[in-house]
Amino acid sequence: MYEEKPQNKFIAFILTFLSEYLVWIIIIGVLLAWYFFPELIENLGQVILFWAPVIILVCGLIIALTRNKIKTKKDEEKGITQYDVTITKIDLYWADLLIYLGTMLILVLPFFIKESGVGMVDLLQALVYFIGANWLKRIYYKKIPK
């Protein structure tokens, strides 16, 4: 019979805490800080505006990984444990095109939106996008059998 080890119980507790309670603790903390320290929230707002693209990408990655994990558990319950994925050369070319066009789009859009043009924040956003997209592409490229 399967015995649950203390390590597994601790991991289950941490995952339950993160998925159910951490959001509420953060919301309560932000509301208390907003009530007692409004200038702190203004400063925090400036930091969030600066790092917004990175925050959005990280949140999107977390949502994608969580959704995939839930789908994998459902498939395992049905008996599906292996997938066949076909990736062609054109898919890799599309990935490169998206990486470079996305980076260029991040750098070109400020000319149309802002009067001051491209700033340091735009350069950092483009760099973060380029590095992150290339990193993800390389992860998947290494999993392709040659």
C-alpha atoms as a PDB file:
ATOM      1  CA  MET A   1       0.000   0.000   0.000  1.00  0.00           C
ATOM      2  CA  TYR A   2       1.178   3.520  -0.747  1.00  0.00           C
ATOM      3  CA  GLU A   3       2.308   5.448   2.302  1.00  0.00           C
ATOM      4  CA  GLU A   4       2.461   9.188   2.132  1.00  0.00           C
ATOM      5  CA  LYS A   5       5.879  10.447   3.183  1.00  0.00           C
ATOM      6  CA  PRO A   6       6.304  13.656   5.184  1.00  0.00           C
ATOM      7  CA  GLN A   7       8.010  15.238   2.158  1.00  0.00           C
ATOM      8  CA  ASN A   8       4.953  14.583  -0.012  1.00  0.00           C
ATOM      9  CA  LYS A   9       2.657  16.017   2.671  1.00  0.00           C
ATOM     10  CA  PHE A  10       4.820  19.130   2.906  1.00  0.00           C
ATOM     11  CA  ILE A  11       4.829  19.593  -0.875  1.00  0.00           C
ATOM     12  CA  ALA A  12       1.049  19.099  -0.974  1.00  0.00           C
ATOM     13  CA  PHE A  13       0.663  21.688   1.806  1.00  0.00           C
ATOM     14  CA  ILE A  14       2.854  24.216  -0.041  1.00  0.00           C
ATOM     15  CA  LEU A  15       0.956  23.700  -3.319  1.00  0.00           C
ATOM     16  CA  THR A  16      -2.394  24.053  -1.560  1.00  0.00           C
ATOM     17  CA  PHE A  17      -1.200  27.182   0.241  1.00  0.00           C
ATOM     18  CA  LEU A  18       0.051  28.756  -2.992  1.00  0.00           C
ATOM     19  CA  SER A  19      -3.040  27.888  -5.001  1.00  0.00           C
ATOM     20  CA  GLU A  20      -5.717  28.763  -2.443  1.00  0.00           C
ATOM     21  CA  TYR A  21      -4.482  31.143   0.244  1.00  0.00           C
ATOM     22  CA  LEU A  22      -1.582  33.174  -1.135  1.00  0.00           C
ATOM     23  CA  VAL A  23      -3.807  35.258  -3.402  1.00  0.00           C
ATOM     24  CA  TRP A  24      -6.013  36.291  -0.485  1.00  0.00           C
ATOM     25  CA  ILE A  25      -3.035  37.135   1.713  1.00  0.00           C
ATOM     26  CA  ILE A  26      -1.600  39.340  -1.046  1.00  0.00           C
ATOM     27  CA  ILE A  27      -4.946  41.098  -1.579  1.00  0.00           C
ATOM     28  CA  ILE A  28      -5.338  41.775   2.151  1.00  0.00           C
ATOM     29  CA  GLY A  29      -1.737  43.033   2.356  1.00  0.00           C
ATOM     30  CA  VAL A  30      -2.240  45.413  -0.586  1.00  0.00           C
ATOM     31  CA  LEU A  31      -5.494  46.746   0.877  1.00  0.00           C
ATOM     32  CA  LEU A  32      -3.882  47.335   4.287  1.00  0.00           C
ATOM     33  CA  ALA A  33      -0.879  49.047   2.679  1.00  0.00           C
ATOM     34  CA  TRP A  34      -3.215  51.191   0.559  1.00  0.00           C
ATOM     35  CA  TYR A  35      -5.163  52.253   3.648  1.00  0.00           C
ATOM     36  CA  PHE A  36      -2.212  52.926   5.984  1.00  0.00           C
ATOM     37  CA  PHE A  37       0.570  53.860   3.514  1.00  0.00           C
ATOM     38  CA  PRO A  38      -0.923  55.434   0.343  1.00  0.00           C
ATOM     39  CA  GLU A  39       2.462  56.861  -0.774  1.00  0.00           C
ATOM     40  CA  LEU A  40       3.897  53.333  -0.753  1.00  0.00           C
ATOM     41  CA  ILE A  41       1.190  52.212  -3.180  1.00  0.00           C
ATOM     42  CA  GLU A  42       2.020  55.162  -5.494  1.00  0.00           C
ATOM     43  CA  ASN A  43       5.700  54.165  -5.546  1.00  0.00           C
ATOM     44  CA  LEU A  44       4.752  50.530  -6.030  1.00  0.00           C
ATOM     45  CA  GLY A  45       2.525  51.582  -8.931  1.00  0.00           C
ATOM     46  CA  GLN A  46       5.498  53.199 -10.680  1.00  0.00           C
ATOM     47  CA  VAL A  47       7.558  50.029 -10.242  1.00  0.00           C
ATOM     48  CA  ILE A  48       4.710  47.884 -11.573  1.00  0.00           C
ATOM     49  CA  LEU A  49       4.325  50.152 -14.609  1.00  0.00           C
ATOM     50  CA  PHE A  50       8.048  49.806 -15.316  1.00  0.00           C
ATOM     51  CA  TRP A  51       8.043  46.015 -14.962  1.00  0.00           C
ATOM     52  CA  ALA A  52       4.542  45.397 -16.402  1.00  0.00           C
ATOM     53  CA  PRO A  53       5.683  43.521 -19.537  1.00  0.00           C
ATOM     54  CA  VAL A  54       7.812  41.120 -17.505  1.00  0.00           C
ATOM     55  CA  ILE A  55       5.023  40.630 -14.946  1.00  0.00           C
ATOM     56  CA  ILE A  56       2.513  39.872 -17.711  1.00  0.00           C
ATOM     57  CA  LEU A  57       4.873  37.378 -19.376  1.00  0.00           C
ATOM     58  CA  VAL A  58       5.595  35.589 -16.093  1.00  0.00           C
ATOM     59  CA  CYS A  59       1.884  35.436 -15.168  1.00  0.00           C
ATOM     60  CA  GLY A  60       1.086  34.107 -18.638  1.00  0.00           C
ATOM     61  CA  LEU A  61       3.779  31.448 -18.281  1.00  0.00           C
ATOM     62  CA  ILE A  62       2.419  30.408 -14.868  1.00  0.00           C
ATOM     63  CA  ILE A  63      -1.123  30.163 -16.248  1.00  0.00           C
ATOM     64  CA  ALA A  64       0.072  28.167 -19.258  1.00  0.00           C
ATOM     65  CA  LEU A  65       2.062  25.748 -17.094  1.00  0.00           C
ATOM     66  CA  THR A  66      -0.812  25.295 -14.640  1.00  0.00           C
ATOM     67  CA  ARG A  67      -3.332  24.695 -17.423  1.00  0.00           C
ATOM     68  CA  ASN A  68      -1.007  22.171 -19.035  1.00  0.00           C
ATOM     69  CA  LYS A  69      -0.480  20.361 -15.715  1.00  0.00           C
ATOM     70  CA  ILE A  70      -4.246  20.066 -15.144  1.00  0.00           C
ATOM     71  CA  LYS A  71      -4.729  18.756 -18.703  1.00  0.00           C
ATOM     72  CA  THR A  72      -1.894  16.253 -18.210  1.00  0.00           C
ATOM     73  CA  LYS A  73      -3.481  14.924 -14.995  1.00  0.00           C
ATOM     74  CA  LYS A  74      -6.844  14.463 -16.755  1.00  0.00           C
ATOM     75  CA  ASP A  75      -5.147  12.674 -19.652  1.00  0.00           C
ATOM     76  CA  GLU A  76      -3.240  10.394 -17.258  1.00  0.00           C
ATOM     77  CA  GLU A  77      -6.525   9.430 -15.623  1.00  0.00           C
ATOM     78  CA  LYS A  78      -7.807   8.455 -19.081  1.00  0.00           C
ATOM     79  CA  GLY A  79      -4.650   6.432 -19.765  1.00  0.00           C
ATOM     80  CA  ILE A  80      -2.990   8.841 -22.200  1.00  0.00           C
ATOM     81  CA  THR A  81       0.633   9.167 -21.133  1.00  0.00           C
ATOM     82  CA  GLN A  82       2.500   9.958 -24.356  1.00  0.00           C
ATOM     83  CA  TYR A  83       1.967  12.488 -27.147  1.00  0.00           C
ATOM     84  CA  ASP A  84       3.288  12.619 -30.689  1.00  0.00           C
ATOM     85  CA  VAL A  85       4.090  16.130 -31.850  1.00  0.00           C
ATOM     86  CA  THR A  86       5.283  16.871 -35.378  1.00  0.00           C
ATOM     87  CA  ILE A  87       7.391  19.978 -35.810  1.00  0.00           C
ATOM     88  CA  THR A  88       8.473  20.963 -39.299  1.00  0.00           C
ATOM     89  CA  LYS A  89      11.231  23.306 -40.411  1.00  0.00           C
ATOM     90  CA  ILE A  90       8.625  25.923 -41.309  1.00  0.00           C
ATOM     91  CA  ASP A  91       7.457  25.927 -37.668  1.00  0.00           C
ATOM     92  CA  LEU A  92      10.995  26.809 -36.578  1.00  0.00           C
ATOM     93  CA  TYR A  93      11.137  29.570 -39.201  1.00  0.00           C
ATOM     94  CA  TRP A  94       7.806  30.924 -37.916  1.00  0.00           C
ATOM     95  CA  ALA A  95       9.205  30.916 -34.380  1.00  0.00           C
ATOM     96  CA  ASP A  96      12.251  32.927 -35.502  1.00  0.00           C
ATOM     97  CA  LEU A  97      10.013  35.336 -37.407  1.00  0.00           C
ATOM     98  CA  LEU A  98       7.804  35.873 -34.338  1.00  0.00           C
ATOM     99  CA  ILE A  99      10.826  36.461 -32.116  1.00  0.00           C
ATOM    100  CA  TYR A 100      12.392  39.093 -34.355  1.00  0.00           C
ATOM    101  CA  LEU A 101       9.133  40.769 -35.435  1.00  0.00           C
ATOM    102  CA  GLY A 102       7.965  40.935 -31.814  1.00  0.00           C
ATOM    103  CA  THR A 103      11.202  42.582 -30.765  1.00  0.00           C
ATOM    104  CA  MET A 104      11.033  45.060 -33.644  1.00  0.00           C
ATOM    105  CA  LEU A 105       7.380  45.797 -32.862  1.00  0.00           C
ATOM    106  CA  ILE A 106       8.262  46.637 -29.259  1.00  0.00           C
ATOM    107  CA  LEU A 107      10.902  49.064 -30.533  1.00  0.00           C
ATOM    108  CA  VAL A 108       8.802  50.629 -33.332  1.00  0.00           C
ATOM    109  CA  LEU A 109       5.507  51.174 -31.471  1.00  0.00           C
ATOM    110  CA  PRO A 110       6.848  54.006 -29.241  1.00  0.00           C
ATOM    111  CA  PHE A 111       7.397  56.149 -32.352  1.00  0.00           C
ATOM    112  CA  PHE A 112       3.658  56.054 -33.002  1.00  0.00           C
ATOM    113  CA  ILE A 113       2.440  56.162 -29.398  1.00  0.00           C
ATOM    114  CA  LYS A 114       4.857  58.395 -27.479  1.00  0.00           C
ATOM    115  CA  GLU A 115       6.135  61.821 -28.444  1.00  0.00           C
ATOM    116  CA  SER A 116       9.572  61.213 -26.938  1.00  0.00           C
ATOM    117  CA  GLY A 117      10.195  58.074 -29.031  1.00  0.00           C
ATOM    118  CA  VAL A 118      12.059  55.025 -27.830  1.00  0.00           C
ATOM    119  CA  GLY A 119      13.197  55.173 -24.217  1.00  0.00           C
ATOM    120  CA  MET A 120      15.193  52.995 -21.886  1.00  0.00           C
ATOM    121  CA  VAL A 121      12.061  51.127 -20.743  1.00  0.00           C
ATOM    122  CA  ASP A 122      11.259  50.181 -24.346  1.00  0.00           C
ATOM    123  CA  LEU A 123      14.794  48.885 -24.881  1.00  0.00           C
ATOM    124  CA  LEU A 124      14.563  46.807 -21.686  1.00  0.00           C
ATOM    125  CA  GLN A 125      11.169  45.420 -22.733  1.00  0.00           C
ATOM    126  CA  ALA A 126      12.548  44.439 -26.142  1.00  0.00           C
ATOM    127  CA  LEU A 127      15.574  42.810 -24.529  1.00  0.00           C
ATOM    128  CA  VAL A 128      13.440  40.852 -22.057  1.00  0.00           C
ATOM    129  CA  TYR A 129      11.111  39.698 -24.848  1.00  0.00           C
ATOM    130  CA  PHE A 130      13.991  38.693 -27.117  1.00  0.00           C
ATOM    131  CA  ILE A 131      15.844  36.755 -24.408  1.00  0.00           C
ATOM    132  CA  GLY A 132      12.679  35.066 -23.099  1.00  0.00           C
ATOM    133  CA  ALA A 133      11.382  34.074 -26.527  1.00  0.00           C
ATOM    134  CA  ASN A 134      14.780  32.720 -27.609  1.00  0.00           C
ATOM    135  CA  TRP A 135      15.076  30.810 -24.348  1.00  0.00           C
ATOM    136  CA  LEU A 136      11.681  29.158 -24.849  1.00  0.00           C
ATOM    137  CA  LYS A 137      12.498  28.332 -28.472  1.00  0.00           C
ATOM    138  CA  ARG A 138      15.776  26.692 -27.459  1.00  0.00           C
ATOM    139  CA  ILE A 139      14.032  24.617 -24.779  1.00  0.00           C
ATOM    140  CA  TYR A 140      11.630  23.189 -27.348  1.00  0.00           C
ATOM    141  CA  TYR A 141      14.303  22.849 -30.019  1.00  0.00           C
ATOM    142  CA  LYS A 142      16.396  20.646 -27.708  1.00  0.00           C
ATOM    143  CA  LYS A 143      13.421  18.294 -27.273  1.00  0.00           C
ATOM    144  CA  ILE A 144      13.115  17.679 -31.015  1.00  0.00           C
ATOM    145  CA  PRO A 145      14.775  14.418 -32.087  1.00  0.00           C
ATOM    146  CA  LYS A 146      17.360  15.012 -34.798  1.00  0.00           C
END
